N, C-alpha and C. Protein backbone atom coordinates (compact mmCIF):
# COMPACT_ATOMS: atom_id res chain seq x y z
N UNK A 1 -10.13 -8.44 -0.99
CA UNK A 1 -9.58 -7.41 -1.83
C UNK A 1 -9.72 -7.87 -3.28
N UNK A 2 -10.27 -6.99 -4.10
CA UNK A 2 -10.48 -7.29 -5.52
C UNK A 2 -9.61 -6.40 -6.38
N UNK A 3 -8.76 -7.02 -7.17
CA UNK A 3 -7.86 -6.31 -8.07
C UNK A 3 -8.50 -6.19 -9.45
N UNK A 4 -8.08 -5.18 -10.19
CA UNK A 4 -8.57 -5.06 -11.57
C UNK A 4 -8.02 -6.22 -12.40
N UNK A 5 -8.79 -6.66 -13.40
CA UNK A 5 -8.30 -7.74 -14.26
C UNK A 5 -6.98 -7.33 -14.92
N UNK A 6 -6.04 -8.24 -14.99
CA UNK A 6 -4.71 -7.90 -15.51
C UNK A 6 -4.39 -8.62 -16.81
N UNK A 7 -5.23 -9.51 -17.26
CA UNK A 7 -4.97 -10.17 -18.53
C UNK A 7 -6.07 -9.82 -19.52
N UNK A 8 -7.29 -10.18 -19.21
CA UNK A 8 -8.42 -9.78 -20.04
C UNK A 8 -8.91 -8.43 -19.57
N UNK A 9 -8.48 -7.39 -20.25
CA UNK A 9 -8.86 -6.03 -19.89
C UNK A 9 -10.34 -5.83 -20.19
N UNK A 10 -10.92 -4.84 -19.52
CA UNK A 10 -12.32 -4.55 -19.73
C UNK A 10 -12.53 -3.05 -19.72
N UNK A 11 -13.75 -2.65 -19.90
CA UNK A 11 -14.12 -1.23 -19.82
C UNK A 11 -14.46 -0.89 -18.38
N UNK A 12 -14.68 0.38 -18.10
CA UNK A 12 -15.12 0.78 -16.76
C UNK A 12 -16.49 0.17 -16.46
N UNK A 13 -17.34 0.09 -17.47
CA UNK A 13 -18.65 -0.56 -17.29
C UNK A 13 -18.46 -2.03 -16.93
N UNK A 14 -17.48 -2.67 -17.56
CA UNK A 14 -17.16 -4.06 -17.23
C UNK A 14 -16.64 -4.20 -15.81
N UNK A 15 -15.82 -3.24 -15.36
CA UNK A 15 -15.34 -3.26 -13.98
C UNK A 15 -16.50 -3.17 -13.00
N UNK A 16 -17.44 -2.28 -13.29
CA UNK A 16 -18.60 -2.13 -12.40
C UNK A 16 -19.36 -3.45 -12.33
N UNK A 17 -19.62 -4.07 -13.47
CA UNK A 17 -20.35 -5.34 -13.49
C UNK A 17 -19.57 -6.42 -12.75
N UNK A 18 -18.27 -6.50 -12.99
CA UNK A 18 -17.40 -7.52 -12.38
C UNK A 18 -17.36 -7.38 -10.86
N UNK A 19 -17.02 -6.18 -10.39
CA UNK A 19 -16.90 -5.97 -8.94
C UNK A 19 -18.24 -6.08 -8.24
N UNK A 20 -19.30 -5.61 -8.88
CA UNK A 20 -20.64 -5.69 -8.27
C UNK A 20 -21.06 -7.15 -8.13
N UNK A 21 -20.84 -7.94 -9.15
CA UNK A 21 -21.22 -9.37 -9.12
C UNK A 21 -20.48 -10.09 -7.98
N UNK A 22 -19.18 -9.88 -7.88
CA UNK A 22 -18.42 -10.54 -6.82
C UNK A 22 -18.87 -10.07 -5.45
N UNK A 23 -19.00 -8.76 -5.27
CA UNK A 23 -19.40 -8.21 -3.96
C UNK A 23 -20.76 -8.76 -3.55
N UNK A 24 -21.70 -8.78 -4.47
CA UNK A 24 -23.04 -9.28 -4.14
C UNK A 24 -23.04 -10.77 -3.85
N UNK A 25 -22.21 -11.53 -4.55
CA UNK A 25 -22.15 -12.98 -4.34
C UNK A 25 -21.51 -13.34 -3.00
N UNK A 26 -20.42 -12.67 -2.65
CA UNK A 26 -19.75 -13.02 -1.40
C UNK A 26 -20.44 -12.41 -0.20
N UNK A 27 -21.13 -11.31 -0.41
CA UNK A 27 -21.89 -10.63 0.65
C UNK A 27 -21.04 -10.37 1.90
N UNK A 28 -19.80 -9.97 1.66
CA UNK A 28 -18.85 -9.61 2.71
C UNK A 28 -18.22 -8.26 2.34
N UNK A 29 -17.62 -7.57 3.30
CA UNK A 29 -16.96 -6.31 2.95
C UNK A 29 -15.84 -6.53 1.93
N UNK A 30 -15.83 -5.68 0.93
CA UNK A 30 -14.88 -5.78 -0.18
C UNK A 30 -14.05 -4.51 -0.25
N UNK A 31 -12.75 -4.69 -0.46
CA UNK A 31 -11.83 -3.59 -0.72
C UNK A 31 -11.40 -3.69 -2.18
N UNK A 32 -11.64 -2.63 -2.94
CA UNK A 32 -11.16 -2.58 -4.31
C UNK A 32 -9.66 -2.29 -4.28
N UNK A 33 -8.93 -2.83 -5.25
CA UNK A 33 -7.49 -2.62 -5.31
C UNK A 33 -7.14 -2.04 -6.67
N UNK A 34 -6.72 -0.79 -6.68
CA UNK A 34 -6.36 -0.09 -7.91
C UNK A 34 -4.85 0.01 -7.99
N UNK A 35 -4.24 -0.83 -8.80
CA UNK A 35 -2.78 -0.88 -8.92
C UNK A 35 -2.38 -0.94 -10.40
N UNK A 36 -2.53 0.18 -11.11
CA UNK A 36 -2.27 0.17 -12.55
C UNK A 36 -0.84 -0.20 -12.94
N UNK A 37 0.13 0.00 -12.05
CA UNK A 37 1.51 -0.38 -12.37
C UNK A 37 1.66 -1.90 -12.51
N UNK A 38 0.77 -2.64 -11.89
CA UNK A 38 0.82 -4.11 -11.98
C UNK A 38 -0.17 -4.67 -13.01
N UNK A 39 -1.32 -4.00 -13.17
CA UNK A 39 -2.38 -4.55 -14.02
C UNK A 39 -2.56 -3.80 -15.33
N UNK A 40 -1.94 -2.62 -15.44
CA UNK A 40 -2.09 -1.76 -16.61
C UNK A 40 -3.55 -1.35 -16.83
N UNK A 41 -4.29 -1.25 -15.73
CA UNK A 41 -5.68 -0.83 -15.80
C UNK A 41 -6.00 0.00 -14.56
N UNK A 42 -6.73 1.09 -14.75
CA UNK A 42 -7.08 1.98 -13.65
C UNK A 42 -8.58 1.95 -13.41
N UNK A 43 -8.96 2.03 -12.14
CA UNK A 43 -10.37 2.22 -11.80
C UNK A 43 -10.60 3.72 -11.78
N UNK A 44 -11.35 4.23 -12.75
CA UNK A 44 -11.60 5.66 -12.84
C UNK A 44 -12.37 6.17 -11.63
N UNK A 45 -12.24 7.46 -11.37
CA UNK A 45 -12.92 8.08 -10.23
C UNK A 45 -14.42 7.83 -10.30
N UNK A 46 -15.02 8.03 -11.46
CA UNK A 46 -16.47 7.84 -11.59
C UNK A 46 -16.87 6.40 -11.29
N UNK A 47 -16.01 5.47 -11.65
CA UNK A 47 -16.28 4.05 -11.39
C UNK A 47 -16.23 3.76 -9.89
N UNK A 48 -15.24 4.31 -9.20
CA UNK A 48 -15.16 4.14 -7.74
C UNK A 48 -16.40 4.73 -7.09
N UNK A 49 -16.81 5.91 -7.54
CA UNK A 49 -18.00 6.56 -6.96
C UNK A 49 -19.23 5.68 -7.15
N UNK A 50 -19.40 5.12 -8.34
CA UNK A 50 -20.54 4.24 -8.61
C UNK A 50 -20.46 2.99 -7.74
N UNK A 51 -19.29 2.38 -7.66
CA UNK A 51 -19.14 1.16 -6.87
C UNK A 51 -19.33 1.40 -5.38
N UNK A 52 -19.05 2.61 -4.92
CA UNK A 52 -19.22 2.92 -3.49
C UNK A 52 -20.68 2.87 -3.07
N UNK A 53 -21.59 2.86 -4.02
CA UNK A 53 -23.02 2.76 -3.71
C UNK A 53 -23.40 1.34 -3.27
N UNK A 54 -22.55 0.37 -3.60
CA UNK A 54 -22.81 -1.02 -3.20
C UNK A 54 -22.47 -1.16 -1.72
N UNK A 55 -23.39 -1.67 -0.90
CA UNK A 55 -23.12 -1.74 0.54
C UNK A 55 -21.97 -2.66 0.92
N UNK A 56 -21.58 -3.57 0.04
CA UNK A 56 -20.48 -4.48 0.35
C UNK A 56 -19.12 -3.92 -0.05
N UNK A 57 -19.11 -2.93 -0.91
CA UNK A 57 -17.85 -2.33 -1.35
C UNK A 57 -17.57 -1.15 -0.43
N UNK A 58 -16.59 -1.34 0.47
CA UNK A 58 -16.42 -0.42 1.60
C UNK A 58 -15.13 0.39 1.57
N UNK A 59 -14.21 0.05 0.66
CA UNK A 59 -12.91 0.72 0.70
C UNK A 59 -12.18 0.55 -0.63
N UNK A 60 -11.13 1.36 -0.78
CA UNK A 60 -10.25 1.28 -1.93
C UNK A 60 -8.81 1.31 -1.45
N UNK A 61 -8.02 0.34 -1.91
CA UNK A 61 -6.57 0.40 -1.76
C UNK A 61 -6.05 1.07 -3.03
N UNK A 62 -5.54 2.28 -2.87
CA UNK A 62 -5.12 3.11 -3.99
C UNK A 62 -3.61 3.05 -4.15
N UNK A 63 -3.16 2.32 -5.15
CA UNK A 63 -1.73 2.23 -5.44
C UNK A 63 -1.41 2.94 -6.76
N UNK A 64 -2.19 3.97 -7.07
CA UNK A 64 -1.92 4.73 -8.29
C UNK A 64 -0.72 5.65 -8.13
N UNK A 65 -0.46 6.09 -6.89
CA UNK A 65 0.58 7.08 -6.66
C UNK A 65 0.16 8.48 -7.03
N UNK A 66 -1.09 8.65 -7.40
CA UNK A 66 -1.63 9.94 -7.86
C UNK A 66 -2.42 10.59 -6.73
N UNK A 67 -1.80 11.55 -6.07
CA UNK A 67 -2.46 12.20 -4.93
C UNK A 67 -3.65 13.05 -5.34
N UNK A 68 -3.68 13.55 -6.56
CA UNK A 68 -4.86 14.29 -7.04
C UNK A 68 -6.05 13.35 -7.17
N UNK A 69 -5.80 12.14 -7.64
CA UNK A 69 -6.84 11.11 -7.72
C UNK A 69 -7.40 10.86 -6.33
N UNK A 70 -6.51 10.67 -5.36
CA UNK A 70 -6.93 10.41 -3.98
C UNK A 70 -7.69 11.59 -3.40
N UNK A 71 -7.20 12.78 -3.65
CA UNK A 71 -7.84 13.98 -3.11
C UNK A 71 -9.26 14.13 -3.67
N UNK A 72 -9.41 13.91 -4.97
CA UNK A 72 -10.73 14.00 -5.59
C UNK A 72 -11.67 12.95 -5.01
N UNK A 73 -11.18 11.73 -4.86
CA UNK A 73 -12.02 10.68 -4.27
C UNK A 73 -12.42 11.05 -2.84
N UNK A 74 -11.48 11.52 -2.06
CA UNK A 74 -11.76 11.88 -0.67
C UNK A 74 -12.86 12.94 -0.60
N UNK A 75 -12.85 13.88 -1.53
CA UNK A 75 -13.85 14.94 -1.54
C UNK A 75 -15.22 14.45 -1.97
N UNK A 76 -15.27 13.43 -2.82
CA UNK A 76 -16.54 13.03 -3.43
C UNK A 76 -17.16 11.76 -2.86
N UNK A 77 -16.38 10.93 -2.21
CA UNK A 77 -16.91 9.67 -1.68
C UNK A 77 -17.67 9.89 -0.38
N UNK A 78 -18.59 8.99 -0.05
CA UNK A 78 -19.25 9.07 1.26
C UNK A 78 -18.21 8.93 2.37
N UNK A 79 -18.47 9.54 3.50
CA UNK A 79 -17.49 9.56 4.59
C UNK A 79 -17.20 8.17 5.16
N UNK A 80 -18.12 7.22 4.97
CA UNK A 80 -17.89 5.88 5.52
C UNK A 80 -17.15 4.95 4.54
N UNK A 81 -16.75 5.47 3.39
CA UNK A 81 -15.98 4.69 2.43
C UNK A 81 -14.51 4.99 2.69
N UNK A 82 -13.73 3.97 3.01
CA UNK A 82 -12.33 4.16 3.43
C UNK A 82 -11.39 4.17 2.24
N UNK A 83 -10.45 5.11 2.27
CA UNK A 83 -9.37 5.17 1.28
C UNK A 83 -8.06 4.81 1.96
N UNK A 84 -7.40 3.80 1.42
CA UNK A 84 -6.11 3.37 1.95
C UNK A 84 -5.04 3.58 0.88
N UNK A 85 -3.90 4.07 1.30
CA UNK A 85 -2.77 4.14 0.39
C UNK A 85 -2.25 2.73 0.18
N UNK A 86 -1.88 2.44 -1.05
CA UNK A 86 -1.24 1.18 -1.36
C UNK A 86 0.23 1.36 -1.69
N UNK A 87 0.73 2.58 -1.46
CA UNK A 87 2.13 2.90 -1.75
C UNK A 87 2.81 3.38 -0.49
N UNK A 88 3.82 2.65 -0.05
CA UNK A 88 4.56 3.06 1.14
C UNK A 88 5.21 4.43 0.97
N UNK A 89 5.62 4.75 -0.25
CA UNK A 89 6.37 5.99 -0.44
C UNK A 89 5.53 7.26 -0.39
N UNK A 90 4.20 7.14 -0.35
CA UNK A 90 3.40 8.35 -0.20
C UNK A 90 2.47 8.29 1.01
N UNK A 91 2.80 7.45 1.98
CA UNK A 91 1.90 7.28 3.12
C UNK A 91 1.69 8.58 3.89
N UNK A 92 2.72 9.36 4.10
CA UNK A 92 2.56 10.61 4.85
C UNK A 92 1.61 11.55 4.13
N UNK A 93 1.82 11.76 2.84
CA UNK A 93 0.93 12.63 2.07
C UNK A 93 -0.50 12.11 2.08
N UNK A 94 -0.65 10.81 1.96
CA UNK A 94 -1.98 10.20 1.94
C UNK A 94 -2.69 10.40 3.27
N UNK A 95 -1.98 10.20 4.36
CA UNK A 95 -2.56 10.44 5.69
C UNK A 95 -2.99 11.89 5.83
N UNK A 96 -2.15 12.82 5.34
CA UNK A 96 -2.43 14.23 5.50
C UNK A 96 -3.66 14.68 4.71
N UNK A 97 -3.99 13.97 3.64
CA UNK A 97 -5.20 14.34 2.91
C UNK A 97 -6.43 13.60 3.41
N UNK A 98 -6.27 12.83 4.48
CA UNK A 98 -7.41 12.20 5.13
C UNK A 98 -7.59 10.73 4.84
N UNK A 99 -6.58 10.08 4.30
CA UNK A 99 -6.67 8.64 4.06
C UNK A 99 -6.86 7.88 5.37
N UNK A 100 -7.57 6.76 5.28
CA UNK A 100 -7.88 5.96 6.47
C UNK A 100 -6.69 5.16 6.97
N UNK A 101 -5.68 5.00 6.13
CA UNK A 101 -4.54 4.20 6.54
C UNK A 101 -3.75 3.74 5.34
N UNK A 102 -3.03 2.65 5.54
CA UNK A 102 -2.09 2.13 4.55
C UNK A 102 -2.18 0.61 4.54
N UNK A 103 -2.28 0.04 3.36
CA UNK A 103 -2.11 -1.40 3.19
C UNK A 103 -0.72 -1.54 2.60
N UNK A 104 0.20 -2.03 3.41
CA UNK A 104 1.62 -1.76 3.23
C UNK A 104 2.47 -2.99 2.99
N UNK A 105 3.60 -2.76 2.33
CA UNK A 105 4.66 -3.75 2.23
C UNK A 105 5.61 -3.59 3.41
N UNK A 106 6.12 -2.37 3.59
CA UNK A 106 7.15 -2.12 4.60
C UNK A 106 6.66 -2.39 6.02
N UNK A 107 5.36 -2.27 6.25
CA UNK A 107 4.83 -2.53 7.59
C UNK A 107 5.03 -3.98 8.03
N UNK A 108 5.30 -4.87 7.09
CA UNK A 108 5.62 -6.24 7.47
C UNK A 108 6.92 -6.31 8.25
N UNK A 109 7.82 -5.35 8.02
CA UNK A 109 9.11 -5.32 8.73
C UNK A 109 9.14 -4.28 9.83
N UNK A 110 8.38 -3.20 9.67
CA UNK A 110 8.40 -2.12 10.67
C UNK A 110 6.97 -1.71 11.04
N UNK A 111 6.19 -2.63 11.60
CA UNK A 111 4.79 -2.30 11.89
C UNK A 111 4.61 -1.18 12.90
N UNK A 112 5.41 -1.16 13.95
CA UNK A 112 5.24 -0.12 14.97
C UNK A 112 5.55 1.25 14.40
N UNK A 113 6.60 1.36 13.63
CA UNK A 113 6.99 2.64 13.06
C UNK A 113 5.95 3.14 12.05
N UNK A 114 5.40 2.22 11.28
CA UNK A 114 4.37 2.61 10.32
C UNK A 114 3.13 3.11 11.05
N UNK A 115 2.74 2.42 12.11
CA UNK A 115 1.62 2.88 12.92
C UNK A 115 1.93 4.21 13.59
N UNK A 116 3.16 4.36 14.06
CA UNK A 116 3.55 5.61 14.73
C UNK A 116 3.44 6.80 13.78
N UNK A 117 3.82 6.60 12.52
CA UNK A 117 3.70 7.69 11.55
C UNK A 117 2.25 8.13 11.41
N UNK A 118 1.36 7.17 11.30
CA UNK A 118 -0.08 7.49 11.21
C UNK A 118 -0.53 8.23 12.47
N UNK A 119 -0.13 7.74 13.62
CA UNK A 119 -0.52 8.38 14.88
C UNK A 119 -0.01 9.82 14.96
N UNK A 120 1.22 10.04 14.52
CA UNK A 120 1.76 11.41 14.51
C UNK A 120 0.87 12.33 13.68
N UNK A 121 0.45 11.86 12.52
CA UNK A 121 -0.37 12.71 11.64
C UNK A 121 -1.73 12.99 12.27
N UNK A 122 -2.41 11.97 12.75
CA UNK A 122 -3.76 12.20 13.30
C UNK A 122 -3.71 13.01 14.59
N UNK A 123 -2.56 13.02 15.26
CA UNK A 123 -2.40 13.83 16.48
C UNK A 123 -1.71 15.17 16.19
N UNK A 124 -1.60 15.50 14.89
CA UNK A 124 -1.06 16.78 14.44
C UNK A 124 0.37 17.02 14.94
N UNK A 125 1.16 15.96 15.02
CA UNK A 125 2.57 16.06 15.40
C UNK A 125 3.41 15.95 14.12
N UNK A 126 3.31 16.99 13.30
CA UNK A 126 3.86 16.92 11.95
C UNK A 126 5.38 16.94 11.91
N UNK A 127 6.02 17.59 12.85
CA UNK A 127 7.49 17.57 12.87
C UNK A 127 7.99 16.14 13.08
N UNK A 128 7.40 15.45 14.06
CA UNK A 128 7.79 14.05 14.30
C UNK A 128 7.42 13.18 13.10
N UNK A 129 6.27 13.44 12.49
CA UNK A 129 5.85 12.67 11.32
C UNK A 129 6.85 12.84 10.18
N UNK A 130 7.27 14.06 9.94
CA UNK A 130 8.23 14.31 8.85
C UNK A 130 9.57 13.64 9.12
N UNK A 131 10.02 13.68 10.36
CA UNK A 131 11.30 13.04 10.71
C UNK A 131 11.22 11.53 10.49
N UNK A 132 10.17 10.91 11.01
CA UNK A 132 10.02 9.46 10.86
C UNK A 132 9.83 9.10 9.39
N UNK A 133 9.08 9.91 8.66
CA UNK A 133 8.87 9.64 7.24
C UNK A 133 10.19 9.68 6.46
N UNK A 134 11.07 10.61 6.80
CA UNK A 134 12.39 10.65 6.14
C UNK A 134 13.16 9.35 6.39
N UNK A 135 13.11 8.87 7.63
CA UNK A 135 13.81 7.62 7.95
C UNK A 135 13.20 6.43 7.20
N UNK A 136 11.89 6.37 7.17
CA UNK A 136 11.21 5.28 6.45
C UNK A 136 11.53 5.36 4.96
N UNK A 137 11.54 6.57 4.41
CA UNK A 137 11.84 6.74 2.98
C UNK A 137 13.24 6.25 2.65
N UNK A 138 14.19 6.49 3.53
CA UNK A 138 15.55 5.99 3.31
C UNK A 138 15.55 4.46 3.25
N UNK A 139 14.81 3.83 4.16
CA UNK A 139 14.71 2.37 4.12
C UNK A 139 14.01 1.91 2.83
N UNK A 140 12.96 2.61 2.44
CA UNK A 140 12.25 2.26 1.20
C UNK A 140 13.17 2.33 -0.01
N UNK A 141 14.07 3.30 -0.02
CA UNK A 141 15.02 3.39 -1.13
C UNK A 141 15.87 2.13 -1.23
N UNK A 142 16.21 1.55 -0.11
CA UNK A 142 16.99 0.30 -0.12
C UNK A 142 16.12 -0.88 -0.52
N UNK A 143 14.83 -0.83 -0.20
CA UNK A 143 13.94 -1.93 -0.58
C UNK A 143 13.73 -1.99 -2.10
N UNK A 144 14.02 -0.91 -2.79
CA UNK A 144 13.83 -0.89 -4.24
C UNK A 144 14.97 -1.58 -4.99
N UNK A 145 15.84 -2.26 -4.27
CA UNK A 145 16.94 -2.99 -4.89
C UNK A 145 16.43 -4.08 -5.83
N UNK A 146 15.21 -4.56 -5.59
CA UNK A 146 14.61 -5.60 -6.42
C UNK A 146 13.09 -5.46 -6.33
N UNK A 147 12.38 -6.28 -7.08
CA UNK A 147 10.92 -6.20 -7.10
C UNK A 147 10.33 -6.75 -5.79
N UNK A 148 9.20 -6.19 -5.42
CA UNK A 148 8.45 -6.69 -4.29
C UNK A 148 7.92 -8.08 -4.65
N UNK A 149 7.99 -9.05 -3.79
CA UNK A 149 8.28 -9.05 -2.37
C UNK A 149 9.69 -9.52 -2.00
N UNK A 150 10.61 -9.56 -2.96
CA UNK A 150 11.93 -10.14 -2.69
C UNK A 150 12.64 -9.46 -1.52
N UNK A 151 12.81 -8.12 -1.50
CA UNK A 151 13.53 -7.51 -0.39
C UNK A 151 12.80 -7.61 0.95
N UNK A 152 11.50 -7.44 0.95
CA UNK A 152 10.77 -7.48 2.23
C UNK A 152 10.81 -8.88 2.83
N UNK A 153 10.87 -9.90 2.00
CA UNK A 153 10.99 -11.27 2.52
C UNK A 153 12.32 -11.46 3.25
N UNK A 154 13.36 -10.81 2.75
CA UNK A 154 14.64 -10.87 3.46
C UNK A 154 14.50 -10.26 4.85
N UNK A 155 13.90 -9.07 4.93
CA UNK A 155 13.78 -8.39 6.23
C UNK A 155 12.90 -9.17 7.19
N UNK A 156 11.79 -9.70 6.71
CA UNK A 156 10.92 -10.46 7.62
C UNK A 156 11.59 -11.75 8.08
N UNK A 157 12.41 -12.35 7.22
CA UNK A 157 13.14 -13.55 7.66
C UNK A 157 14.16 -13.18 8.73
N UNK A 158 14.78 -12.00 8.60
CA UNK A 158 15.73 -11.54 9.63
C UNK A 158 15.03 -11.28 10.96
N UNK A 159 13.74 -10.99 10.90
CA UNK A 159 12.96 -10.79 12.12
C UNK A 159 12.43 -12.10 12.69
N UNK A 160 12.69 -13.21 11.99
CA UNK A 160 12.27 -14.51 12.48
C UNK A 160 10.96 -15.01 11.91
N UNK A 161 10.46 -14.35 10.87
CA UNK A 161 9.21 -14.76 10.24
C UNK A 161 9.50 -15.54 8.97
N UNK A 162 9.67 -16.82 9.09
CA UNK A 162 9.89 -17.68 7.94
C UNK A 162 11.32 -17.63 7.43
N UNK A 163 11.53 -18.40 6.37
CA UNK A 163 12.85 -18.47 5.72
C UNK A 163 12.88 -17.47 4.57
N UNK A 164 14.08 -17.08 4.20
CA UNK A 164 14.23 -16.20 3.06
C UNK A 164 14.25 -17.04 1.79
N UNK A 165 13.08 -17.18 1.19
CA UNK A 165 12.96 -17.89 -0.07
C UNK A 165 11.81 -17.26 -0.86
N UNK A 166 11.91 -17.34 -2.16
CA UNK A 166 10.87 -16.82 -3.05
C UNK A 166 10.60 -17.87 -4.12
N UNK A 167 9.44 -17.76 -4.73
CA UNK A 167 9.09 -18.69 -5.81
C UNK A 167 9.47 -18.10 -7.16
N UNK A 168 9.90 -18.97 -8.06
CA UNK A 168 10.18 -18.54 -9.43
C UNK A 168 8.92 -17.96 -10.06
N UNK A 169 9.03 -16.96 -10.87
CA UNK A 169 10.23 -16.46 -11.51
C UNK A 169 11.03 -15.47 -10.66
N UNK A 170 10.63 -15.23 -9.42
CA UNK A 170 11.42 -14.38 -8.54
C UNK A 170 12.66 -15.14 -8.09
N UNK A 171 13.73 -14.41 -7.83
CA UNK A 171 14.96 -15.00 -7.30
C UNK A 171 15.42 -14.16 -6.13
N UNK A 172 16.17 -14.79 -5.23
CA UNK A 172 16.65 -14.07 -4.05
C UNK A 172 17.71 -13.04 -4.45
N UNK A 173 17.97 -12.13 -3.53
CA UNK A 173 18.97 -11.10 -3.76
C UNK A 173 20.37 -11.69 -3.82
N UNK A 174 21.26 -10.98 -4.49
CA UNK A 174 22.68 -11.35 -4.50
C UNK A 174 23.26 -11.06 -3.12
N UNK A 175 24.37 -11.69 -2.78
CA UNK A 175 24.98 -11.52 -1.46
C UNK A 175 25.26 -10.06 -1.11
N UNK A 176 25.80 -9.30 -2.06
CA UNK A 176 26.10 -7.89 -1.80
C UNK A 176 24.82 -7.09 -1.54
N UNK A 177 23.76 -7.40 -2.27
CA UNK A 177 22.48 -6.72 -2.05
C UNK A 177 21.92 -7.05 -0.67
N UNK A 178 22.07 -8.31 -0.27
CA UNK A 178 21.62 -8.73 1.07
C UNK A 178 22.37 -7.94 2.13
N UNK A 179 23.67 -7.83 1.97
CA UNK A 179 24.50 -7.11 2.95
C UNK A 179 24.06 -5.65 3.06
N UNK A 180 23.90 -4.98 1.93
CA UNK A 180 23.52 -3.55 1.93
C UNK A 180 22.14 -3.36 2.54
N UNK A 181 21.18 -4.19 2.16
CA UNK A 181 19.82 -4.06 2.69
C UNK A 181 19.79 -4.38 4.19
N UNK A 182 20.47 -5.41 4.60
CA UNK A 182 20.51 -5.77 6.02
C UNK A 182 21.13 -4.64 6.85
N UNK A 183 22.19 -4.05 6.33
CA UNK A 183 22.83 -2.93 7.04
C UNK A 183 21.89 -1.72 7.12
N UNK A 184 21.17 -1.45 6.05
CA UNK A 184 20.23 -0.32 6.04
C UNK A 184 19.10 -0.56 7.04
N UNK A 185 18.65 -1.80 7.14
CA UNK A 185 17.58 -2.15 8.08
C UNK A 185 18.07 -1.97 9.52
N UNK A 186 19.27 -2.45 9.80
CA UNK A 186 19.86 -2.28 11.14
C UNK A 186 20.01 -0.80 11.47
N UNK A 187 20.51 -0.03 10.51
CA UNK A 187 20.67 1.42 10.72
C UNK A 187 19.32 2.07 11.01
N UNK A 188 18.29 1.68 10.27
CA UNK A 188 16.95 2.24 10.51
C UNK A 188 16.48 1.91 11.91
N UNK A 189 16.55 0.63 12.27
CA UNK A 189 16.07 0.21 13.59
C UNK A 189 16.86 0.89 14.70
N UNK A 190 18.18 1.00 14.54
CA UNK A 190 19.00 1.67 15.56
C UNK A 190 18.65 3.15 15.65
N UNK A 191 18.41 3.79 14.52
CA UNK A 191 18.06 5.21 14.51
C UNK A 191 16.73 5.50 15.15
N UNK A 192 15.77 4.62 14.96
CA UNK A 192 14.43 4.80 15.54
C UNK A 192 14.48 4.65 17.06
N UNK A 193 15.38 3.79 17.56
CA UNK A 193 15.48 3.56 19.01
C UNK A 193 16.03 4.77 19.74
N UNK A 194 16.77 5.64 19.03
CA UNK A 194 17.40 6.80 19.69
C UNK A 194 16.40 7.87 20.05
């Protein structure tokens, strides 16, 4: 996965040169990662279209949150170029416009439910998809208590995957935040079982 440069900004022409050079050198499938909220730089639609001509550049993780951007790309890209949502909060909408899937934060804690949502959409079970999406959205609202990956690390540690620790400059949640998030996670898991 190749992210846009986040310190030394460049032009779209520079992005094309940068991503093409890396893709050609590694000669492996490459996923572009467009996350302007983290890098303050966007891969323009025309740039994605140009980069999709490279046989090694096979997909885009789109964390723009802009469904019009995704819709335009879906209409103009070759059918074998995969579009993945990079935002948990718009996974249902992204699936409905034909996205190939989700590269997710929340799936680290609820992988089966995240997969189930995708399956509901591709099997045209939209009522079930909407219900599950509402439940996931409620959990996502609790995950926004702090920056990623702090809250998700708490949940994965509760599932037995490692210890709950983060590296500076990140810090762990306060005790009250841990209690609220843990309770929300339990409520989500209990609700899904019903």
